[in-house]
Amino acid sequence: MSEKLIQKGIADRVQIVNGDMSSLDFHPATFDLIWSEVAAYIMGFKNALSTGKPFLVKHGYLAVTELTWLRPDPLDQAKRFFAEEYPAMQDIESNLEAIRRAGYNVVGHFTLPESAWWDHYYTPIEKKLPELRKKHKDNPEALAVVELHEMEIDIYRKYSDSYGYVFYVTQID
């Protein structure tokens, strides 16, 4: 990424921080843009919205992905799985309303394609699972994690039309 910034002559204007969004150590109104993937899932969508806001300059942007129901009637097996794994999951309209209530304007949103799940996430994990199952065959806790990943992949394979990651772009006044 920094190579591209250097080539474009903007490396001095961009600060890339890989950190914990729930414990940002910056002065208020520091950033024009906070781009966050996965943090909302870990810390909760509404919490991610409120945590990022103080660090944005006036008219700053928060771009965040959130696991979201894509249809009003998600299939039962997907609903049961996420009732355990991510009970806070909402539909797009509910997330857009949460964005507005948190004091942001919605600039836009789109659903990440299935390739985003398969190419760089599920396919590499799926290839590792047999090796992990063998390596940890005597460790019930580790095997439970392997089985959870297998189940999640299977749920996505069968019910990806019910849910996905939605990328929300927001802006404060």
Protein backbone atom coordinates (compact mmCIF):
# COMPACT_ATOMS: atom_id res chain seq x y z
CA MET A 1 0.00 0.00 0.00
CA SER A 2 2.73 2.50 0.90
CA GLU A 3 4.39 1.93 -2.51
CA LYS A 4 1.22 3.12 -4.25
CA LEU A 5 1.01 6.14 -1.95
CA ILE A 6 4.61 7.05 -2.75
CA GLN A 7 3.99 6.64 -6.49
CA LYS A 8 0.97 8.93 -6.27
CA GLY A 9 2.93 11.51 -4.26
CA ILE A 10 0.59 11.41 -1.26
CA ALA A 11 2.49 9.26 1.24
CA ASP A 12 3.07 12.30 3.46
CA ARG A 13 -0.72 12.85 3.71
CA VAL A 14 -1.77 9.31 4.65
CA GLN A 15 -1.26 7.58 7.95
CA ILE A 16 -2.09 3.87 7.98
CA VAL A 17 -2.68 2.52 11.46
CA ASN A 18 -3.22 -1.14 12.20
CA GLY A 19 -4.60 -1.16 15.71
CA ASP A 20 -7.43 -1.79 18.08
CA MET A 21 -10.36 0.48 17.26
CA SER A 22 -11.74 0.07 20.77
CA SER A 23 -8.66 1.77 22.25
CA LEU A 24 -7.60 4.50 19.85
CA ASP A 25 -4.85 6.70 21.26
CA PHE A 26 -5.20 9.87 19.18
CA HIS A 27 -6.25 13.44 19.74
CA PRO A 28 -9.85 14.32 18.89
CA ALA A 29 -10.51 15.45 15.30
CA THR A 30 -7.33 13.78 14.00
CA PHE A 31 -8.57 11.92 10.92
CA ASP A 32 -10.32 12.78 7.67
CA LEU A 33 -11.16 9.10 7.25
CA ILE A 34 -11.33 6.07 9.47
CA TRP A 35 -11.56 2.87 7.44
CA SER A 36 -12.42 -0.11 9.56
CA GLU A 37 -13.01 -3.68 8.54
CA VAL A 38 -14.06 -6.33 11.07
CA ALA A 39 -13.80 -4.02 14.12
CA ALA A 40 -17.56 -3.44 14.13
CA TYR A 41 -18.11 -7.19 14.30
CA ILE A 42 -15.73 -7.47 17.24
CA MET A 43 -16.83 -4.40 19.20
CA GLY A 44 -20.41 -4.03 18.01
CA PHE A 45 -21.66 -1.81 15.19
CA LYS A 46 -23.15 0.96 17.36
CA ASN A 47 -20.06 1.00 19.54
CA ALA A 48 -17.82 1.26 16.45
CA LEU A 49 -19.86 4.24 15.24
CA SER A 50 -19.60 6.07 18.56
CA THR A 51 -15.94 5.17 19.14
CA GLY A 52 -14.75 6.49 15.78
CA LYS A 53 -16.73 9.73 15.73
CA PRO A 54 -14.62 11.85 18.13
CA PHE A 55 -11.48 11.18 16.08
CA LEU A 56 -12.94 12.53 12.84
CA VAL A 57 -12.47 16.10 11.65
CA LYS A 58 -15.52 18.12 10.66
CA HIS A 59 -17.04 16.45 7.58
CA GLY A 60 -14.81 13.41 8.18
CA TYR A 61 -15.69 9.93 6.97
CA LEU A 62 -16.09 6.60 8.69
CA ALA A 63 -16.03 3.62 6.32
CA VAL A 64 -16.92 0.40 8.06
CA THR A 65 -17.95 -3.15 7.19
CA GLU A 66 -20.66 -4.91 9.15
CA LEU A 67 -22.09 -8.41 9.01
CA THR A 68 -25.66 -7.78 7.87
CA TRP A 69 -28.85 -9.65 7.05
CA LEU A 70 -29.44 -9.17 3.32
CA ARG A 71 -33.04 -10.32 3.20
CA PRO A 72 -36.02 -9.77 5.46
CA ASP A 73 -36.57 -13.50 5.95
CA PRO A 74 -33.17 -15.14 6.54
CA LEU A 75 -33.33 -18.90 6.43
CA ASP A 76 -33.73 -20.64 9.78
CA GLN A 77 -30.37 -22.42 9.89
CA ALA A 78 -28.52 -19.15 9.22
CA LYS A 79 -30.64 -17.38 11.86
CA ARG A 80 -29.90 -20.10 14.42
CA PHE A 81 -26.17 -20.02 13.70
CA PHE A 82 -25.90 -16.25 14.07
CA ALA A 83 -28.19 -16.15 17.10
CA GLU A 84 -25.21 -17.85 18.77
CA GLU A 85 -22.28 -16.28 16.89
CA TYR A 86 -23.45 -12.70 16.28
CA PRO A 87 -26.85 -12.02 17.83
CA ALA A 88 -26.51 -8.26 17.23
CA MET A 89 -26.68 -8.70 13.44
CA GLN A 90 -29.22 -6.37 11.84
CA ASP A 91 -30.59 -5.78 8.35
CA ILE A 92 -29.38 -2.95 6.10
CA GLU A 93 -32.21 -0.54 6.99
CA SER A 94 -31.61 -1.02 10.73
CA ASN A 95 -27.89 -0.34 10.27
CA LEU A 96 -28.61 2.76 8.19
CA GLU A 97 -30.90 4.00 10.95
CA ALA A 98 -28.19 3.30 13.57
CA ILE A 99 -25.75 5.33 11.45
CA ARG A 100 -28.16 8.28 11.35
CA ARG A 101 -28.92 8.06 15.09
CA ALA A 102 -25.17 8.11 15.79
CA GLY A 103 -24.97 11.49 14.03
CA TYR A 104 -23.61 10.46 10.65
CA ASN A 105 -24.94 10.98 7.16
CA VAL A 106 -25.05 7.94 4.92
CA VAL A 107 -22.86 8.51 1.88
CA GLY A 108 -23.48 5.03 0.48
CA HIS A 109 -23.33 1.33 1.08
CA PHE A 110 -22.78 -1.87 -0.88
CA THR A 111 -22.58 -5.57 -0.20
CA LEU A 112 -19.18 -7.15 -0.57
CA PRO A 113 -19.14 -9.83 -3.28
CA GLU A 114 -18.98 -13.52 -2.41
CA SER A 115 -15.44 -13.56 -3.82
CA ALA A 116 -14.39 -11.40 -0.85
CA TRP A 117 -15.42 -14.24 1.43
CA TRP A 118 -13.98 -17.09 -0.62
CA ASP A 119 -10.78 -15.75 -2.18
CA HIS A 120 -9.02 -14.40 0.89
CA TYR A 121 -10.91 -15.85 3.81
CA TYR A 122 -12.82 -19.12 3.58
CA THR A 123 -10.74 -20.91 0.93
CA PRO A 124 -7.42 -20.46 2.79
CA ILE A 125 -9.08 -21.43 6.08
CA GLU A 126 -10.77 -24.45 4.54
CA LYS A 127 -7.43 -25.70 3.21
CA LYS A 128 -5.90 -25.50 6.70
CA LEU A 129 -8.70 -27.20 8.63
CA PRO A 130 -7.72 -30.86 7.93
CA GLU A 131 -4.16 -30.14 9.06
CA LEU A 132 -5.44 -28.39 12.20
CA ARG A 133 -7.88 -31.23 12.92
CA LYS A 134 -4.99 -33.72 12.73
CA LYS A 135 -2.57 -31.57 14.71
CA HIS A 136 -5.05 -30.99 17.54
CA LYS A 137 -6.80 -34.37 17.52
CA ASP A 138 -6.27 -34.74 21.28
CA ASN A 139 -7.36 -31.20 22.16
CA PRO A 140 -11.15 -30.93 22.44
CA GLU A 141 -11.11 -27.13 22.70
CA ALA A 142 -9.04 -26.73 19.54
CA LEU A 143 -11.22 -29.26 17.71
CA ALA A 144 -14.30 -27.28 18.73
CA VAL A 145 -12.78 -24.21 17.04
CA VAL A 146 -12.06 -26.25 13.90
CA GLU A 147 -15.63 -27.54 13.89
CA LEU A 148 -17.03 -24.03 14.35
CA HIS A 149 -15.07 -22.86 11.31
CA GLU A 150 -16.28 -25.84 9.29
CA MET A 151 -19.85 -25.07 10.31
CA GLU A 152 -19.49 -21.37 9.45
CA ILE A 153 -18.11 -22.19 6.01
CA ASP A 154 -20.95 -24.63 5.42
CA ILE A 155 -23.53 -22.05 6.54
CA TYR A 156 -22.08 -19.49 4.13
CA ARG A 157 -21.96 -22.03 1.30
CA LYS A 158 -25.66 -22.79 1.78
CA TYR A 159 -27.11 -19.46 2.92
CA SER A 160 -24.95 -16.65 1.55
CA ASP A 161 -28.04 -15.04 0.05
CA SER A 162 -29.29 -14.43 3.61
CA TYR A 163 -26.33 -12.44 4.94
CA GLY A 164 -23.06 -10.81 4.02
CA TYR A 165 -20.70 -8.00 4.82
CA VAL A 166 -22.01 -4.59 3.90
CA PHE A 167 -19.59 -1.71 3.49
CA TYR A 168 -21.09 1.49 4.90
CA VAL A 169 -19.59 4.88 4.07
CA THR A 170 -20.65 7.62 6.46
CA GLN A 171 -19.82 11.26 7.07
CA ILE A 172 -20.24 13.57 10.04
CA ASP A 173 -21.43 17.16 9.69
